[in-house]
Amino acid sequence: MPFSSDADEGMPKLVRRNPSKPVTKFCINCLSPLEKGSELGGWLVPQDYYCKKCGYKGYVYLEDRRSEDEVANGKREEPQTERRDP
């Protein structure tokens, strides 16, 4: 049985991270940028994060990877310009 071109559609996408490029981490409750909670996090214990806006404290966060996806797919978002007809 031949595989279709969309055989992996719906499967999670694995992304290799570039450790030298910092990625902003966002709160899962209010989408505000998070701050690191502990200086020992990531070395001795898992890194925890804190949100100043809503008070969230935990290990789970969101990352905005839209710009990396556009570069990987060869798409570039063009700035919208307003056209006026004379």
Protein backbone atom coordinates (compact mmCIF):
# COMPACT_ATOMS: atom_id res chain seq x y z
CA MET A 1 0.00 0.00 0.00
CA PRO A 2 1.64 3.30 -1.03
CA PHE A 3 1.96 6.10 1.48
CA SER A 4 0.10 9.29 0.74
CA SER A 5 1.89 12.64 0.68
CA ASP A 6 0.01 13.69 3.81
CA ALA A 7 0.86 10.56 5.82
CA ASP A 8 2.43 12.60 8.62
CA GLU A 9 -0.37 15.17 8.71
CA GLY A 10 -1.71 15.53 12.22
CA MET A 11 1.47 14.16 13.79
CA PRO A 12 3.49 16.33 16.20
CA LYS A 13 6.27 18.27 14.51
CA LEU A 14 9.75 17.88 15.98
CA VAL A 15 11.83 21.05 15.99
CA ARG A 16 15.54 21.19 16.69
CA ARG A 17 16.33 24.16 18.92
CA ASN A 18 19.23 26.52 18.39
CA PRO A 19 20.67 26.91 21.90
CA SER A 20 22.50 30.13 21.02
CA LYS A 21 19.26 31.90 20.02
CA PRO A 22 17.14 32.93 23.02
CA VAL A 23 13.41 32.32 22.68
CA THR A 24 10.85 34.37 24.61
CA LYS A 25 8.73 32.23 26.89
CA PHE A 26 5.09 33.23 27.48
CA CYS A 27 2.66 32.57 30.33
CA ILE A 28 0.06 29.86 29.68
CA ASN A 29 -2.63 31.92 31.44
CA CYS A 30 -2.23 35.49 30.16
CA LEU A 31 0.41 35.21 27.37
CA SER A 32 2.73 37.74 29.06
CA PRO A 33 6.51 37.19 28.94
CA LEU A 34 7.82 35.00 31.78
CA GLU A 35 10.84 35.48 34.00
CA LYS A 36 13.07 32.76 35.42
CA GLY A 37 12.04 31.79 38.93
CA SER A 38 15.23 30.21 40.23
CA GLU A 39 18.89 30.70 39.39
CA LEU A 40 19.54 26.98 39.96
CA GLY A 41 16.86 25.98 37.46
CA GLY A 42 18.05 24.02 34.46
CA TRP A 43 21.17 22.86 36.24
CA LEU A 44 20.26 21.18 39.52
CA VAL A 45 16.46 21.21 39.22
CA PRO A 46 14.05 21.86 36.30
CA GLN A 47 13.79 25.55 35.33
CA ASP A 48 10.71 27.23 36.78
CA TYR A 49 9.16 30.45 35.49
CA TYR A 50 7.17 33.29 37.05
CA CYS A 51 4.61 35.68 35.53
CA LYS A 52 4.47 39.15 37.08
CA LYS A 53 1.08 39.92 35.52
CA CYS A 54 -1.06 37.01 36.75
CA GLY A 55 1.21 35.37 39.35
CA TYR A 56 1.64 32.04 37.52
CA LYS A 57 4.57 29.99 38.78
CA GLY A 58 5.46 26.71 37.13
CA TYR A 59 7.47 24.75 34.61
CA VAL A 60 5.12 24.93 31.61
CA TYR A 61 5.41 27.79 29.11
CA LEU A 62 4.58 28.70 25.51
CA GLU A 63 7.02 29.69 22.77
CA ASP A 64 6.29 31.78 19.68
CA ARG A 65 7.85 29.88 16.80
CA ARG A 66 5.89 31.45 13.91
CA SER A 67 8.88 33.36 12.51
CA GLU A 68 11.05 30.22 12.53
CA ASP A 69 8.32 28.23 10.76
CA GLU A 70 8.05 30.88 8.04
CA VAL A 71 11.81 30.83 7.47
CA ALA A 72 11.86 27.03 7.40
CA ASN A 73 9.01 26.92 4.87
CA GLY A 74 10.57 29.60 2.69
CA LYS A 75 7.74 32.01 3.34
CA ARG A 76 8.33 35.56 4.37
CA GLU A 77 5.65 37.81 5.75
CA GLU A 78 5.44 40.96 3.66
CA PRO A 79 4.50 44.14 5.48
CA GLN A 80 1.02 45.34 4.62
CA THR A 81 1.06 48.66 2.83
CA GLU A 82 -1.96 50.77 2.24
CA ARG A 83 -2.64 51.47 -1.44
CA ARG A 84 -4.44 54.59 -2.42
CA ASP A 85 -5.81 55.13 -5.88
CA PRO A 86 -5.50 58.69 -7.25
